[in-house]
Amino acid sequence: MDIDMTLLRKSIETYIDAKDGNRPHLIADAFMPDAELVMELKTNEISFPSSVSGAAGISRVLVSEFAQQYENVYTFCIGKPPEDEASFHCHWLVCMTEKSTRAARVGFGRYQWDCNDVAGKISKLRIIIEEMNTLPGQWSAPMLAWARTLPYPWCPADVLARGTPAFAPIQNVVRALERLASDLGVGAPQS
């Protein structure tokens, strides 16, 4: 089966747009109806169910319920978009704020996308959350200002450190992502 990876890229970008912008109706454009979501949490700073079945469930958990707690969400896929794979993985960075407390959140992890649909829709998404930091609310403005300067949603790893706010948790996340990208040989400048 030939899968058009430009369509997988579009599905990934549609998912990011749906989640970050609180647009649950877009999930059906990104995921197959019977898609699977698997979550692996390596932190206690955030909670999600370990698995969700179906595009409707994914939309409920990753968009609607997520948006009840968080706003000002910026999710970055670190590195280049998919080219010719039916399975694609990348690290991610998220910057956001909590609605109830106004606290800043910054975290990172890994996406693993599987596509077995000629239309490029996602059949399985595995999200690994390596780290999630809760920061005082006064860090929100500089963190979000920095996030707005980054290429979105595909961000080369070598761009992350440019203008990083001088807060240790944010700098630690950026250094970890740079190390991971360097180990994998991804995130080179895009021409």
C-alpha atoms as a PDB file:
ATOM      1  CA  MET A   1       0.000   0.000   0.000  1.00  0.00           C
ATOM      2  CA  ASP A   2       1.444   3.382  -1.016  1.00  0.00           C
ATOM      3  CA  ILE A   3       0.918   6.017   1.621  1.00  0.00           C
ATOM      4  CA  ASP A   4       1.385   9.643   0.680  1.00  0.00           C
ATOM      5  CA  MET A   5       3.566  11.016   3.486  1.00  0.00           C
ATOM      6  CA  THR A   6       2.546  14.573   2.688  1.00  0.00           C
ATOM      7  CA  LEU A   7      -0.874  13.419   3.880  1.00  0.00           C
ATOM      8  CA  LEU A   8       0.607  11.923   7.074  1.00  0.00           C
ATOM      9  CA  ARG A   9       2.355  15.250   7.635  1.00  0.00           C
ATOM     10  CA  LYS A  10      -0.985  17.017   7.117  1.00  0.00           C
ATOM     11  CA  SER A  11      -2.662  14.657   9.603  1.00  0.00           C
ATOM     12  CA  ILE A  12       0.019  15.374  12.220  1.00  0.00           C
ATOM     13  CA  GLU A  13      -0.318  19.113  11.649  1.00  0.00           C
ATOM     14  CA  THR A  14      -4.109  18.824  11.877  1.00  0.00           C
ATOM     15  CA  TYR A  15      -3.788  16.988  15.213  1.00  0.00           C
ATOM     16  CA  ILE A  16      -1.500  19.742  16.569  1.00  0.00           C
ATOM     17  CA  ASP A  17      -3.949  22.400  15.335  1.00  0.00           C
ATOM     18  CA  ALA A  18      -6.884  20.551  16.936  1.00  0.00           C
ATOM     19  CA  LYS A  19      -5.161  20.078  20.310  1.00  0.00           C
ATOM     20  CA  ASP A  20      -3.462  23.455  20.604  1.00  0.00           C
ATOM     21  CA  GLY A  21      -6.439  25.410  19.297  1.00  0.00           C
ATOM     22  CA  ASN A  22      -9.244  23.480  21.038  1.00  0.00           C
ATOM     23  CA  ARG A  23     -10.784  22.316  17.768  1.00  0.00           C
ATOM     24  CA  PRO A  24     -12.166  18.824  18.474  1.00  0.00           C
ATOM     25  CA  HIS A  25     -13.953  18.651  15.106  1.00  0.00           C
ATOM     26  CA  LEU A  26     -10.554  18.438  13.333  1.00  0.00           C
ATOM     27  CA  ILE A  27      -9.556  15.108  14.905  1.00  0.00           C
ATOM     28  CA  ALA A  28     -11.712  13.204  12.395  1.00  0.00           C
ATOM     29  CA  ASP A  29      -9.560  14.719   9.622  1.00  0.00           C
ATOM     30  CA  ALA A  30      -6.360  13.458  11.265  1.00  0.00           C
ATOM     31  CA  PHE A  31      -7.267  10.022  12.697  1.00  0.00           C
ATOM     32  CA  MET A  32      -8.939   6.901  11.373  1.00  0.00           C
ATOM     33  CA  PRO A  33     -12.296   6.247  13.119  1.00  0.00           C
ATOM     34  CA  ASP A  34     -10.865   3.204  14.942  1.00  0.00           C
ATOM     35  CA  ALA A  35      -7.495   4.808  15.769  1.00  0.00           C
ATOM     36  CA  GLU A  36      -5.685   3.921  18.967  1.00  0.00           C
ATOM     37  CA  LEU A  37      -3.976   6.228  21.475  1.00  0.00           C
ATOM     38  CA  VAL A  38      -1.422   4.868  23.942  1.00  0.00           C
ATOM     39  CA  MET A  39       0.015   7.119  26.653  1.00  0.00           C
ATOM     40  CA  GLU A  40       3.177   6.470  28.648  1.00  0.00           C
ATOM     41  CA  LEU A  41       3.743   8.908  31.515  1.00  0.00           C
ATOM     42  CA  LYS A  42       7.176   9.156  33.088  1.00  0.00           C
ATOM     43  CA  THR A  43       6.092  11.997  35.361  1.00  0.00           C
ATOM     44  CA  ASN A  44       3.409  12.592  37.973  1.00  0.00           C
ATOM     45  CA  GLU A  45       2.968  16.248  36.939  1.00  0.00           C
ATOM     46  CA  ILE A  46       0.174  15.462  34.465  1.00  0.00           C
ATOM     47  CA  SER A  47      -2.343  12.658  34.033  1.00  0.00           C
ATOM     48  CA  PHE A  48      -3.982  10.930  31.091  1.00  0.00           C
ATOM     49  CA  PRO A  49      -5.578   7.518  30.591  1.00  0.00           C
ATOM     50  CA  SER A  50      -3.085   4.874  29.461  1.00  0.00           C
ATOM     51  CA  SER A  51      -5.109   4.105  26.341  1.00  0.00           C
ATOM     52  CA  VAL A  52      -8.024   5.470  24.348  1.00  0.00           C
ATOM     53  CA  SER A  53      -9.860   3.845  21.444  1.00  0.00           C
ATOM     54  CA  GLY A  54     -11.402   5.633  18.486  1.00  0.00           C
ATOM     55  CA  ALA A  55     -11.100   9.110  17.014  1.00  0.00           C
ATOM     56  CA  ALA A  56     -14.053  10.334  19.105  1.00  0.00           C
ATOM     57  CA  GLY A  57     -12.348   9.217  22.328  1.00  0.00           C
ATOM     58  CA  ILE A  58      -9.035  10.732  21.242  1.00  0.00           C
ATOM     59  CA  SER A  59     -10.825  14.000  20.508  1.00  0.00           C
ATOM     60  CA  ARG A  60     -12.485  13.948  23.933  1.00  0.00           C
ATOM     61  CA  VAL A  61      -9.264  13.240  25.874  1.00  0.00           C
ATOM     62  CA  LEU A  62      -6.619  15.168  23.908  1.00  0.00           C
ATOM     63  CA  VAL A  63      -8.716  18.144  22.835  1.00  0.00           C
ATOM     64  CA  SER A  64     -11.936  18.745  24.799  1.00  0.00           C
ATOM     65  CA  GLU A  65     -10.824  17.595  28.274  1.00  0.00           C
ATOM     66  CA  PHE A  66      -7.307  18.951  27.747  1.00  0.00           C
ATOM     67  CA  ALA A  67      -8.713  22.388  26.843  1.00  0.00           C
ATOM     68  CA  GLN A  68     -10.740  22.464  30.064  1.00  0.00           C
ATOM     69  CA  GLN A  69      -7.448  22.593  31.994  1.00  0.00           C
ATOM     70  CA  TYR A  70      -4.921  24.284  29.674  1.00  0.00           C
ATOM     71  CA  GLU A  71      -4.709  27.256  27.328  1.00  0.00           C
ATOM     72  CA  ASN A  72      -2.051  29.160  25.380  1.00  0.00           C
ATOM     73  CA  VAL A  73      -0.818  25.779  24.118  1.00  0.00           C
ATOM     74  CA  TYR A  74       2.159  25.573  21.755  1.00  0.00           C
ATOM     75  CA  THR A  75       3.213  22.074  20.684  1.00  0.00           C
ATOM     76  CA  PHE A  76       6.353  21.666  18.596  1.00  0.00           C
ATOM     77  CA  CYS A  77       7.461  18.565  16.721  1.00  0.00           C
ATOM     78  CA  ILE A  78      11.256  18.620  16.907  1.00  0.00           C
ATOM     79  CA  GLY A  79      12.987  17.969  13.602  1.00  0.00           C
ATOM     80  CA  LYS A  80      11.796  17.501  10.060  1.00  0.00           C
ATOM     81  CA  PRO A  81       8.331  16.257   9.039  1.00  0.00           C
ATOM     82  CA  PRO A  82       7.808  12.738   7.642  1.00  0.00           C
ATOM     83  CA  GLU A  83       9.019  12.007   4.150  1.00  0.00           C
ATOM     84  CA  ASP A  84       8.349   8.420   3.133  1.00  0.00           C
ATOM     85  CA  GLU A  85       7.621   6.376   6.244  1.00  0.00           C
ATOM     86  CA  ALA A  86       4.379   4.724   7.292  1.00  0.00           C
ATOM     87  CA  SER A  87       5.631   5.034  10.873  1.00  0.00           C
ATOM     88  CA  PHE A  88       7.093   8.297  12.058  1.00  0.00           C
ATOM     89  CA  HIS A  89       8.488   9.394  15.392  1.00  0.00           C
ATOM     90  CA  CYS A  90       9.725  12.679  16.746  1.00  0.00           C
ATOM     91  CA  HIS A  91      10.337  14.402  20.036  1.00  0.00           C
ATOM     92  CA  TRP A  92       8.005  17.174  21.082  1.00  0.00           C
ATOM     93  CA  LEU A  93       8.038  20.264  23.257  1.00  0.00           C
ATOM     94  CA  VAL A  94       4.947  21.830  24.804  1.00  0.00           C
ATOM     95  CA  CYS A  95       4.529  25.242  26.434  1.00  0.00           C
ATOM     96  CA  MET A  96       1.160  26.136  27.964  1.00  0.00           C
ATOM     97  CA  THR A  97      -0.598  27.675  30.931  1.00  0.00           C
ATOM     98  CA  GLU A  98      -3.049  26.239  33.450  1.00  0.00           C
ATOM     99  CA  LYS A  99      -6.459  27.866  33.346  1.00  0.00           C
ATOM    100  CA  SER A 100      -7.222  27.524  37.057  1.00  0.00           C
ATOM    101  CA  THR A 101      -3.886  28.593  38.568  1.00  0.00           C
ATOM    102  CA  ARG A 102      -2.274  30.587  35.704  1.00  0.00           C
ATOM    103  CA  ALA A 103       0.878  28.475  36.252  1.00  0.00           C
ATOM    104  CA  ALA A 104       3.198  27.922  33.303  1.00  0.00           C
ATOM    105  CA  ARG A 105       3.832  24.402  32.032  1.00  0.00           C
ATOM    106  CA  VAL A 106       6.748  23.195  29.924  1.00  0.00           C
ATOM    107  CA  GLY A 107       7.414  19.600  29.023  1.00  0.00           C
ATOM    108  CA  PHE A 108       8.740  17.219  26.436  1.00  0.00           C
ATOM    109  CA  GLY A 109       8.455  13.683  25.216  1.00  0.00           C
ATOM    110  CA  ARG A 110       8.100  11.605  22.104  1.00  0.00           C
ATOM    111  CA  TYR A 111       5.394  11.000  19.511  1.00  0.00           C
ATOM    112  CA  GLN A 112       5.195   7.704  17.616  1.00  0.00           C
ATOM    113  CA  TRP A 113       2.773   7.887  14.695  1.00  0.00           C
ATOM    114  CA  ASP A 114       1.528   4.898  12.685  1.00  0.00           C
ATOM    115  CA  CYS A 115      -0.382   5.245   9.462  1.00  0.00           C
ATOM    116  CA  ASN A 116      -1.877   2.360   7.509  1.00  0.00           C
ATOM    117  CA  ASP A 117      -4.382   4.385   5.529  1.00  0.00           C
ATOM    118  CA  VAL A 118      -3.823   5.551   1.949  1.00  0.00           C
ATOM    119  CA  ALA A 119      -5.402   8.862   2.919  1.00  0.00           C
ATOM    120  CA  GLY A 120      -2.580   9.431   5.424  1.00  0.00           C
ATOM    121  CA  LYS A 121      -4.792   9.309   8.516  1.00  0.00           C
ATOM    122  CA  ILE A 122      -3.241   8.182  11.778  1.00  0.00           C
ATOM    123  CA  SER A 123      -4.102   4.652  12.913  1.00  0.00           C
ATOM    124  CA  LYS A 124      -2.102   4.711  16.146  1.00  0.00           C
ATOM    125  CA  LEU A 125      -0.464   7.409  18.231  1.00  0.00           C
ATOM    126  CA  ARG A 126       1.816   6.667  21.136  1.00  0.00           C
ATOM    127  CA  ILE A 127       2.643   9.659  23.313  1.00  0.00           C
ATOM    128  CA  ILE A 128       5.478   9.391  25.793  1.00  0.00           C
ATOM    129  CA  ILE A 129       5.653  12.204  28.332  1.00  0.00           C
ATOM    130  CA  GLU A 130       9.227  12.286  29.613  1.00  0.00           C
ATOM    131  CA  GLU A 131       8.990  15.418  31.707  1.00  0.00           C
ATOM    132  CA  MET A 132       6.415  18.067  32.624  1.00  0.00           C
ATOM    133  CA  ASN A 133       7.300  21.062  34.769  1.00  0.00           C
ATOM    134  CA  THR A 134       4.896  23.355  36.607  1.00  0.00           C
ATOM    135  CA  LEU A 135       6.338  26.854  36.912  1.00  0.00           C
ATOM    136  CA  PRO A 136       5.168  29.996  38.715  1.00  0.00           C
ATOM    137  CA  GLY A 137       2.677  32.089  36.748  1.00  0.00           C
ATOM    138  CA  GLN A 138       5.095  34.986  36.338  1.00  0.00           C
ATOM    139  CA  TRP A 139       7.124  32.772  33.979  1.00  0.00           C
ATOM    140  CA  SER A 140       4.188  32.405  31.593  1.00  0.00           C
ATOM    141  CA  ALA A 141       4.687  35.627  29.630  1.00  0.00           C
ATOM    142  CA  PRO A 142       8.404  35.136  28.838  1.00  0.00           C
ATOM    143  CA  MET A 143       7.881  31.425  28.098  1.00  0.00           C
ATOM    144  CA  LEU A 144       5.000  32.112  25.712  1.00  0.00           C
ATOM    145  CA  ALA A 145       6.855  35.021  24.073  1.00  0.00           C
ATOM    146  CA  TRP A 146       9.756  32.645  23.381  1.00  0.00           C
ATOM    147  CA  ALA A 147       7.396  29.929  22.088  1.00  0.00           C
ATOM    148  CA  ARG A 148       5.882  32.407  19.616  1.00  0.00           C
ATOM    149  CA  THR A 149       9.331  32.952  18.061  1.00  0.00           C
ATOM    150  CA  LEU A 150       9.892  29.260  17.286  1.00  0.00           C
ATOM    151  CA  PRO A 151       8.998  27.667  13.924  1.00  0.00           C
ATOM    152  CA  TYR A 152       5.596  26.019  14.368  1.00  0.00           C
ATOM    153  CA  PRO A 153       4.801  23.167  14.480  1.00  0.00           C
ATOM    154  CA  TRP A 154       8.040  21.713  12.980  1.00  0.00           C
ATOM    155  CA  CYS A 155      11.008  23.108  14.884  1.00  0.00           C
ATOM    156  CA  PRO A 156      14.648  22.155  14.258  1.00  0.00           C
ATOM    157  CA  ALA A 157      16.387  21.255  17.525  1.00  0.00           C
ATOM    158  CA  ASP A 158      19.171  23.755  16.917  1.00  0.00           C
ATOM    159  CA  VAL A 159      16.640  26.620  16.958  1.00  0.00           C
ATOM    160  CA  LEU A 160      15.257  25.820  20.424  1.00  0.00           C
ATOM    161  CA  ALA A 161      18.040  27.530  22.395  1.00  0.00           C
ATOM    162  CA  ARG A 162      17.627  30.869  20.614  1.00  0.00           C
ATOM    163  CA  GLY A 163      16.138  33.291  23.102  1.00  0.00           C
ATOM    164  CA  THR A 164      15.314  30.623  25.691  1.00  0.00           C
ATOM    165  CA  PRO A 165      14.089  32.319  28.878  1.00  0.00           C
ATOM    166  CA  ALA A 166      16.652  32.267  31.683  1.00  0.00           C
ATOM    167  CA  PHE A 167      14.645  29.836  33.820  1.00  0.00           C
ATOM    168  CA  ALA A 168      16.414  26.593  34.694  1.00  0.00           C
ATOM    169  CA  PRO A 169      13.436  24.247  34.055  1.00  0.00           C
ATOM    170  CA  ILE A 170      12.928  25.621  30.523  1.00  0.00           C
ATOM    171  CA  GLN A 171      16.649  25.563  29.755  1.00  0.00           C
ATOM    172  CA  ASN A 172      16.884  21.982  31.082  1.00  0.00           C
ATOM    173  CA  VAL A 173      14.057  20.867  28.774  1.00  0.00           C
ATOM    174  CA  VAL A 174      15.727  22.536  25.785  1.00  0.00           C
ATOM    175  CA  ARG A 175      19.104  20.926  26.595  1.00  0.00           C
ATOM    176  CA  ALA A 176      17.457  17.500  26.942  1.00  0.00           C
ATOM    177  CA  LEU A 177      15.751  17.889  23.550  1.00  0.00           C
ATOM    178  CA  GLU A 178      18.992  19.033  21.930  1.00  0.00           C
ATOM    179  CA  ARG A 179      20.805  15.982  23.342  1.00  0.00           C
ATOM    180  CA  LEU A 180      18.058  13.628  22.153  1.00  0.00           C
ATOM    181  CA  ALA A 181      18.052  15.185  18.678  1.00  0.00           C
ATOM    182  CA  SER A 182      21.843  14.998  18.513  1.00  0.00           C
ATOM    183  CA  ASP A 183      21.745  11.300  19.498  1.00  0.00           C
ATOM    184  CA  LEU A 184      19.242  10.628  16.714  1.00  0.00           C
ATOM    185  CA  GLY A 185      20.864  12.957  14.172  1.00  0.00           C
ATOM    186  CA  VAL A 186      17.669  15.003  13.710  1.00  0.00           C
ATOM    187  CA  GLY A 187      16.836  18.653  13.910  1.00  0.00           C
ATOM    188  CA  ALA A 188      19.420  19.922  11.473  1.00  0.00           C
ATOM    189  CA  PRO A 189      18.673  23.322  10.002  1.00  0.00           C
ATOM    190  CA  GLN A 190      16.052  23.135   7.270  1.00  0.00           C
ATOM    191  CA  SER A 191      16.889  24.680   3.935  1.00  0.00           C
END
